[in-house]
Structures are given as structure tokens and as C-alpha cells.
Protein backbone atom coordinates (compact mmCIF):
# COMPACT_ATOMS: atom_id res chain seq x y z
CA MET A 1 0.00 0.00 0.00
CA SER A 2 2.79 2.42 0.95
CA ILE A 3 4.59 1.56 -2.29
CA LEU A 4 1.43 2.53 -4.27
CA ILE A 5 1.15 5.83 -2.41
CA ASN A 6 4.81 6.64 -3.09
CA LYS A 7 4.34 5.85 -6.78
CA ARG A 8 1.35 8.23 -6.93
CA LYS A 9 3.36 10.94 -5.18
CA ASN A 10 6.21 10.51 -7.65
CA MET A 11 3.77 10.66 -10.59
CA THR A 12 2.17 13.86 -9.24
CA LYS A 13 5.59 15.42 -8.77
CA LYS A 14 6.58 14.51 -12.32
CA ASN A 15 3.31 15.92 -13.69
CA LEU A 16 3.85 19.16 -11.83
CA ILE A 17 7.40 19.41 -13.19
CA LEU A 18 6.20 18.65 -16.73
CA GLY A 19 3.36 21.12 -16.34
CA GLY A 20 5.80 23.77 -15.15
CA VAL A 21 8.14 23.08 -18.07
CA LEU A 22 5.19 23.28 -20.48
CA ALA A 23 4.05 26.58 -18.96
CA VAL A 24 7.57 28.01 -19.32
CA LEU A 25 7.69 26.86 -22.96
CA VAL A 26 4.26 28.39 -23.71
CA LEU A 27 5.23 31.66 -22.01
CA SER A 28 8.56 31.74 -23.84
CA ALA A 29 6.83 31.11 -27.18
CA TYR A 30 4.35 33.91 -26.46
CA ILE A 31 7.09 36.36 -25.50
CA PHE A 32 9.26 35.39 -28.48
CA ASN A 33 6.45 35.59 -31.03
CA GLY A 34 4.57 38.42 -29.37
CA PRO A 35 6.17 41.27 -27.38
CA PHE A 36 9.74 40.28 -28.26
CA ALA A 37 8.95 39.97 -31.95
CA GLU A 38 7.22 43.34 -31.87
CA TRP A 39 10.14 44.88 -29.97
CA LYS A 40 12.62 43.40 -32.42
CA LYS A 41 10.54 44.64 -35.34
CA ASN A 42 10.34 48.16 -33.89
CA LEU A 43 14.07 48.08 -33.11
CA ASN A 44 14.79 47.91 -36.83
CA ARG A 45 12.01 50.33 -37.79
CA PRO A 46 13.17 53.77 -38.95
CA LYS A 47 12.62 56.74 -36.68
CA ASN A 48 9.64 58.95 -37.51
CA PHE A 49 11.20 62.20 -38.76
CA VAL A 50 7.87 64.02 -38.30
CA SER A 51 7.83 64.20 -34.51
CA GLY A 52 8.88 66.22 -31.49
CA PHE A 53 5.91 68.57 -31.26
CA GLN A 54 2.20 68.64 -30.40
CA VAL A 55 -0.63 69.21 -32.86
CA GLY A 56 -1.72 72.21 -30.81
CA ASP A 57 1.71 73.82 -31.39
CA ILE A 58 0.94 74.34 -35.07
CA ASN A 59 -0.59 77.68 -36.06
CA LYS A 60 0.60 77.99 -39.66
CA ILE A 61 0.64 75.49 -42.51
CA GLU A 62 2.22 76.01 -45.93
CA ILE A 63 1.11 73.72 -48.76
CA GLU A 64 2.60 73.59 -52.25
CA LYS A 65 1.36 71.42 -55.11
CA ASP A 66 2.03 71.77 -58.86
CA GLY A 67 3.59 75.18 -58.30
CA LYS A 68 0.52 76.51 -56.49
CA LYS A 69 0.92 77.58 -52.87
CA ILE A 70 -1.77 77.74 -50.19
CA ASN A 71 -0.99 79.10 -46.75
CA ILE A 72 -3.41 78.71 -43.87
CA GLU A 73 -3.18 80.12 -40.37
CA LYS A 74 -5.06 80.05 -37.10
CA ALA A 75 -7.16 83.13 -36.54
CA GLU A 76 -9.18 84.23 -33.54
CA VAL A 77 -12.83 84.58 -34.49
CA SER A 78 -15.48 86.27 -32.39
CA THR A 79 -18.66 84.25 -31.89
CA GLY A 80 -20.89 86.54 -29.90
CA SER A 81 -19.54 86.82 -26.37
CA THR A 82 -16.74 84.29 -26.91
CA THR A 83 -13.88 83.73 -29.33
CA GLU A 84 -12.54 80.61 -30.98
CA ASP A 85 -9.56 79.64 -33.13
CA ARG A 86 -10.35 78.78 -36.73
CA TRP A 87 -8.13 78.00 -39.70
CA LYS A 88 -8.20 80.72 -42.36
CA ILE A 89 -6.54 80.97 -45.76
CA SER A 90 -3.81 83.59 -45.41
CA GLY A 91 -4.28 86.82 -47.30
CA THR A 92 -8.07 86.55 -47.43
CA LYS A 93 -10.65 88.47 -45.44
CA ASP A 94 -12.75 85.53 -44.30
CA PHE A 95 -11.96 82.40 -46.30
CA TYR A 96 -12.25 79.97 -43.40
CA LEU A 97 -11.89 76.20 -43.54
CA THR A 98 -14.93 74.14 -42.75
CA LYS A 99 -14.98 72.09 -39.54
CA GLU A 100 -14.73 68.95 -41.67
CA ALA A 101 -11.59 70.21 -43.42
CA THR A 102 -10.06 71.30 -40.10
CA ASP A 103 -10.79 67.91 -38.52
CA LYS A 104 -9.15 66.08 -41.45
CA ILE A 105 -5.96 68.09 -41.10
CA THR A 106 -5.82 67.79 -37.30
CA THR A 107 -6.51 64.04 -37.38
CA SER A 108 -3.99 63.29 -40.12
CA VAL A 109 -1.21 65.27 -38.37
CA ARG A 110 -1.95 63.58 -35.04
CA GLU A 111 -1.84 60.15 -36.72
CA LEU A 112 1.38 61.04 -38.52
CA LEU A 113 3.07 62.02 -35.25
CA ALA A 114 2.27 58.61 -33.76
CA ALA A 115 2.81 56.61 -36.97
CA LYS A 116 5.38 53.93 -37.62
CA LEU A 117 7.29 54.42 -40.87
CA ASP A 118 8.33 51.64 -43.23
CA LEU A 119 11.50 52.22 -45.25
CA ILE A 120 10.84 51.68 -48.96
CA SER A 121 14.03 52.91 -50.59
CA GLU A 122 17.25 54.78 -49.89
CA ASN A 123 17.75 55.65 -53.55
CA LYS A 124 16.87 59.31 -54.17
CA ASP A 125 16.46 58.53 -57.88
CA LYS A 126 13.36 56.54 -56.92
CA LYS A 127 11.59 59.61 -55.54
CA LYS A 128 9.96 60.29 -58.89
CA ASP A 129 8.44 56.79 -58.94
CA PHE A 130 6.71 57.41 -55.62
CA GLU A 131 5.88 61.07 -56.37
CA VAL A 132 7.78 62.37 -53.36
CA ASP A 133 9.62 64.85 -55.53
CA GLY A 134 8.24 67.96 -57.24
CA ALA A 135 5.09 66.05 -58.16
CA GLY A 136 4.14 65.52 -54.54
CA THR A 137 2.50 67.81 -52.01
CA LYS A 138 5.08 69.72 -49.98
CA ILE A 139 3.91 70.57 -46.46
CA LEU A 140 5.45 72.78 -43.80
CA LEU A 141 3.94 72.71 -40.31
CA LYS A 142 4.95 75.84 -38.42
CA ASN A 143 4.73 77.43 -35.00
CA GLY A 144 5.07 81.09 -35.89
CA ASP A 145 8.19 81.29 -38.06
CA ASN A 146 9.63 78.07 -36.62
CA VAL A 147 9.28 75.02 -38.88
CA GLU A 148 8.22 72.03 -36.76
CA ALA A 149 7.94 69.59 -39.66
CA ASP A 150 8.80 69.57 -43.36
CA PHE A 151 7.69 66.65 -45.53
CA ILE A 152 6.39 65.66 -48.95
CA VAL A 153 3.32 63.48 -49.43
CA GLY A 154 3.48 61.32 -52.56
CA LYS A 155 1.13 58.86 -54.19
CA MET A 156 -0.92 56.23 -52.41
CA THR A 157 0.47 52.79 -51.69
CA SER A 158 -0.65 49.90 -53.89
CA ASP A 159 -3.08 48.64 -51.23
CA TYR A 160 -4.60 52.16 -50.89
CA ALA A 161 -4.07 51.93 -47.12
CA GLY A 162 -1.41 54.63 -46.94
CA VAL A 163 0.91 57.01 -48.77
CA PHE A 164 4.60 57.46 -49.48
CA ILE A 165 6.43 60.31 -47.76
CA SER A 166 9.87 61.87 -47.76
CA LYS A 167 11.39 65.36 -47.56
CA GLY A 168 13.45 67.54 -49.84
CA ASP A 169 16.86 66.98 -48.21
CA LEU A 170 16.26 63.28 -47.52
CA ASP A 171 17.19 60.45 -49.89
CA LYS A 172 15.07 57.90 -48.05
CA ILE A 173 11.48 57.12 -49.03
CA TYR A 174 8.97 55.77 -46.52
CA SER A 175 5.41 54.54 -46.50
CA VAL A 176 2.95 55.32 -43.74
CA LYS A 177 -0.48 53.82 -43.23
CA ILE A 178 -2.52 57.03 -43.14
CA MET A 179 -4.83 56.97 -46.13
CA ALA A 180 -6.35 60.41 -45.40
CA LEU A 181 -2.99 62.22 -45.40
CA ASN A 182 -3.17 62.86 -49.14
CA PHE A 183 -6.71 64.25 -49.05
CA ALA A 184 -6.36 66.35 -45.89
CA PHE A 185 -3.99 68.81 -47.58
CA SER A 186 -5.55 68.82 -51.05
CA GLU A 187 -6.76 72.10 -52.53
CA ASP A 188 -10.31 70.76 -52.85
CA ASN A 189 -10.37 70.02 -49.13
CA ILE A 190 -8.76 73.30 -48.05
CA TYR A 191 -11.00 75.66 -50.00
CA ASN A 192 -14.64 75.84 -48.97
CA LYS A 193 -16.36 76.05 -52.37
CA SER A 194 -19.87 76.26 -50.97
CA ILE A 195 -21.26 79.76 -51.62
CA PHE A 196 -24.91 79.37 -50.60
CA LYS A 197 -26.67 76.45 -48.91
CA THR A 198 -30.34 77.29 -48.33
CA ASP A 199 -33.60 75.45 -47.80
CA ILE A 200 -35.58 75.94 -51.03
CA GLU A 201 -38.84 76.16 -49.11
CA LYS A 202 -37.62 79.25 -47.26
CA ILE A 203 -37.02 81.28 -50.43
CA ASN A 204 -39.91 83.61 -51.31
CA LYS A 205 -38.41 86.54 -53.20
CA ILE A 206 -35.76 87.01 -55.91
CA ARG A 207 -34.46 90.29 -57.31
CA PHE A 208 -32.61 90.32 -60.65
CA GLN A 209 -30.48 93.35 -61.51
CA TYR A 210 -28.61 93.92 -64.79
CA PRO A 211 -27.35 97.05 -66.57
CA GLY A 212 -30.53 98.80 -67.76
CA GLN A 213 -32.95 96.29 -66.27
CA GLU A 214 -34.19 95.23 -62.85
CA PHE A 215 -37.15 93.08 -61.86
CA THR A 216 -38.48 91.15 -58.89
CA ILE A 217 -40.45 87.96 -58.52
CA GLU A 218 -42.20 86.74 -55.36
CA LYS A 219 -43.88 83.62 -54.08
CA LYS A 220 -47.51 84.35 -53.20
CA ASN A 221 -50.10 81.74 -52.26
CA ASN A 222 -47.51 79.11 -53.19
CA GLN A 223 -47.22 80.54 -56.72
CA TRP A 224 -44.34 82.52 -58.23
CA VAL A 225 -45.36 85.80 -59.87
CA GLY A 226 -43.59 88.88 -61.17
CA THR A 227 -44.21 91.92 -58.95
CA SER A 228 -41.81 94.62 -60.20
CA PRO A 229 -41.58 96.74 -62.30
CA LYS A 230 -44.99 95.28 -63.24
CA SER A 231 -47.04 92.15 -62.66
CA PHE A 232 -46.30 89.21 -64.94
CA ALA A 233 -46.85 85.47 -64.99
CA ILE A 234 -44.05 83.00 -64.19
CA ASN A 235 -43.53 79.56 -65.72
CA LYS A 236 -42.93 77.20 -62.75
CA SER A 237 -40.55 74.88 -64.59
CA LYS A 238 -38.39 77.84 -65.66
CA ILE A 239 -38.09 79.42 -62.22
CA ASP A 240 -37.48 76.07 -60.50
CA GLY A 241 -34.08 75.82 -62.18
CA VAL A 242 -33.07 79.30 -61.00
CA ILE A 243 -34.15 78.57 -57.41
CA LYS A 244 -32.24 75.30 -57.40
CA ILE A 245 -29.03 77.15 -58.34
CA LEU A 246 -29.54 79.83 -55.69
CA ALA A 247 -30.35 77.31 -52.94
CA ASP A 248 -27.17 75.28 -53.44
CA LEU A 249 -24.57 77.43 -55.19
CA THR A 250 -21.07 75.94 -55.32
CA ALA A 251 -17.94 77.36 -56.93
CA ALA A 252 -16.28 75.50 -59.76
CA ASP A 253 -12.89 76.77 -58.58
CA ILE A 254 -11.21 79.38 -56.38
CA PRO A 255 -9.06 81.98 -58.18
CA GLU A 256 -6.32 84.28 -56.91
CA GLN A 257 -7.94 86.63 -54.43
CA THR A 258 -7.49 89.88 -56.34
CA PHE A 259 -10.20 91.99 -57.96
CA LYS A 260 -8.05 93.04 -60.90
CA GLY A 261 -9.61 91.80 -64.14
CA THR A 262 -12.66 90.21 -62.45
CA GLY A 263 -15.17 92.83 -63.62
CA LEU A 264 -17.00 92.48 -60.32
CA GLU A 265 -17.02 96.22 -59.79
CA LYS A 266 -19.24 96.62 -62.89
CA HIS A 267 -22.10 94.62 -61.31
CA GLU A 268 -23.08 93.05 -64.63
CA ILE A 269 -25.28 90.48 -62.89
CA ILE A 270 -26.71 90.83 -59.37
CA VAL A 271 -29.21 88.32 -58.01
CA GLN A 272 -30.59 88.65 -54.49
CA VAL A 273 -32.63 85.89 -52.90
CA THR A 274 -34.54 86.51 -49.67
CA GLY A 275 -37.06 84.73 -47.48
CA ASP A 276 -37.48 83.19 -44.05
CA GLY A 277 -34.07 83.87 -42.48
CA VAL A 278 -32.53 84.10 -45.95
CA ASP A 279 -30.76 87.10 -47.51
CA ASN A 280 -28.13 86.08 -50.07
CA THR A 281 -26.75 88.18 -52.93
CA ILE A 282 -24.49 86.93 -55.70
CA ILE A 283 -22.56 89.31 -57.97
CA ILE A 284 -21.14 87.92 -61.24
CA GLY A 285 -18.40 89.52 -63.35
CA ASN A 286 -16.09 88.69 -66.24
CA LYS A 287 -15.15 85.35 -67.76
CA ASN A 288 -11.59 84.10 -67.30
CA ASP A 289 -9.40 82.31 -69.85
CA LYS A 290 -10.83 78.93 -68.78
CA GLY A 291 -14.44 79.90 -69.45
CA LEU A 292 -15.34 80.36 -65.79
CA TYR A 293 -16.98 83.48 -64.35
CA TYR A 294 -15.79 85.54 -61.39
CA ALA A 295 -18.31 85.91 -58.58
CA LYS A 296 -18.61 87.18 -55.02
CA THR A 297 -21.37 87.47 -52.45
CA GLY A 298 -22.84 90.69 -51.11
CA LYS A 299 -21.49 89.97 -47.63
CA SER A 300 -17.91 89.01 -48.40
CA ASP A 301 -14.96 89.91 -50.64
CA ASN A 302 -14.12 86.24 -51.20
CA ILE A 303 -13.82 85.62 -54.94
CA TYR A 304 -15.16 82.46 -56.55
CA LEU A 305 -15.43 81.05 -60.06
CA LEU A 306 -18.77 79.81 -61.42
CA ASN A 307 -19.21 77.46 -64.34
CA LYS A 308 -21.11 78.62 -67.43
CA ASP A 309 -24.28 76.70 -66.52
CA SER A 310 -24.58 78.44 -63.15
CA ARG A 311 -23.88 81.86 -64.64
CA ASP A 312 -26.31 81.41 -67.53
CA GLY A 313 -28.92 80.03 -65.14
CA LEU A 314 -28.89 83.34 -63.26
CA ASN A 315 -28.64 85.61 -66.30
CA LYS A 316 -32.37 85.98 -66.98
CA LYS A 317 -34.72 88.48 -68.55
CA ILE A 318 -38.41 88.75 -67.79
CA GLN A 319 -39.35 86.93 -71.00
CA ASP A 320 -37.03 84.05 -70.06
CA LEU A 321 -39.22 83.24 -67.05
CA LYS A 322 -42.63 83.43 -68.71
């Protein structure tokens, strides 16, 4: 009996030893393939050259693409009794970025600061292949006059999960898994091309003013009619197209912010739309060499470009609406 008990004790001891050895092996495998592997991988990973500052430190951003430069800066804006910082295009009176555009920039910079870079090439002659040369988007992130980061965003990676980046004085080319980085600093994202965004149902009066002619139409009893300089009937299908343009007017492009050559001072076309909480005026001037028309609102000196369809849709005579 005692021999049997001793045998069982020896077996239990052996099982415990084997179990302990197995646990050590499992733990070692986990460490080797998990944290250690990750540590070893990061040990050989290149240092992120866009680092060493906080997103909140940045108050100026310079962007250059295809020879065109856009500078944006933080500006203090009064909102009633309080003030807030908003991003504004430098050199303009009130060309502010939308909240969506601001969020894209802030998020992409924050992600870039924390990102892990993958080295793609150390051959500077390869920069052209990845568009991290003159074809890329050059970005300077600044705190006042101090440059915190200087980098070039190239084309997207083949899996569309990231982009290639480098900098002018760097031969190395990296990839970084931040898909939005390319779009955050694009011209289309920076410039707010929305001119008017209005609920159609709130519009009840439109005034058209041209050299030598001015007339007004109004919505009465749910019907559009001409009221000035005389009463006249309105064709619903014809006025619907005009109202649609005025309710959601978007620029085709944003030109250089100078009035020279725009013809806006001549007031060739002025259309004012009013209604329930609505008072928007668009002024349209000359055509540029690309067939687009200069325009501005009555409340701002921001200059936009309208396509021919939008301009022609607002260039109406009384007989055009009958």
C-alpha cells in the first residue's frame, strides 16, 4: 500500500514538473512571437522624422502642389460673447476652412506624429516613382516662423491603405499607413467652395439686376409671380431651375484673391434671394481664360469662379421666365 502511495506521489511530482516546463515553454513562445517579436521589429524600424511637437503647437501650414501655394493660419474669431480659433486661408478676409476640413488636417497630423514608418528605398532617384519629388504635395507645419515639420506626401500605396512620404533633403522614401494624409492637404479640401446652402422652401423673393434692367419675382399663395416693375406670370418649370441654383450654389474653382480683371465692380449680374431667415446676394463679373466666371457674395470679398451653366442660369430676362 505504501509503495502505491509513493508511486502516486512521484507521478504527481513529475506531472507538476512537466506542467511547469510546459508553462515556461508556452510563455517563452508567447514572448518570443509576441512582445519580443514586436520589440525586435520596432528596433529595426526607422525613426519617424515628423515628430517632437504637439498638434496644438501648429498655427501655420504652408502647402505647395504643382507650383501653387496655399498658406493657412489660425485666426481668432469672435462668436458673440466668446472667441474661438479657426483655420483661415492667409491673405483673405474671411476664407475659413470648414470644420470637416479642419478635422481632417488635425486628425492626419496627429496620426502622422504617432505613426510607424516603413522604409521603402534609400535611392533618391526613386523619388519620382513614388511622387515624393516635385510632383508631390510639400507641407510645412509651423509654429510662428519656426518650422516644426517639413515633408512631402506622394502617391498612395498599392493597397490604398497609406501614402509614401519623404522630404526635400532626404534620400530615403517611406510609406505610412494614413490613407487620409493625401486628401487632408488637397486644394479641394482646403477651400470651402460652398457659396450658398439654403432650404428651397424658405425662399420667397428674388431680385434680378442687370445694366438697364431690374425686376423682382415673389412667391404668393404658393405661386411665383412677377411683382416689379410690373405684374407678370411665371412659368414654374423655368423658375425652379433658378431657385435650385440659388439654394445650393457651389464654386467651380477658387481663383487668386485679387479683384483686378474680375469685372465684379461693374455689377453686370446681381441676383438677391430673400425669405425666411434668408438674404443672399451673388454678384457675377467677367469670364476668365478657362471659361469660368468671377463671382462674389454681397457679404464678403471672397472671390469664386462659377461654371457657365450656373452663370447662364442666373442671367435671366423677364421673357425668359414666362
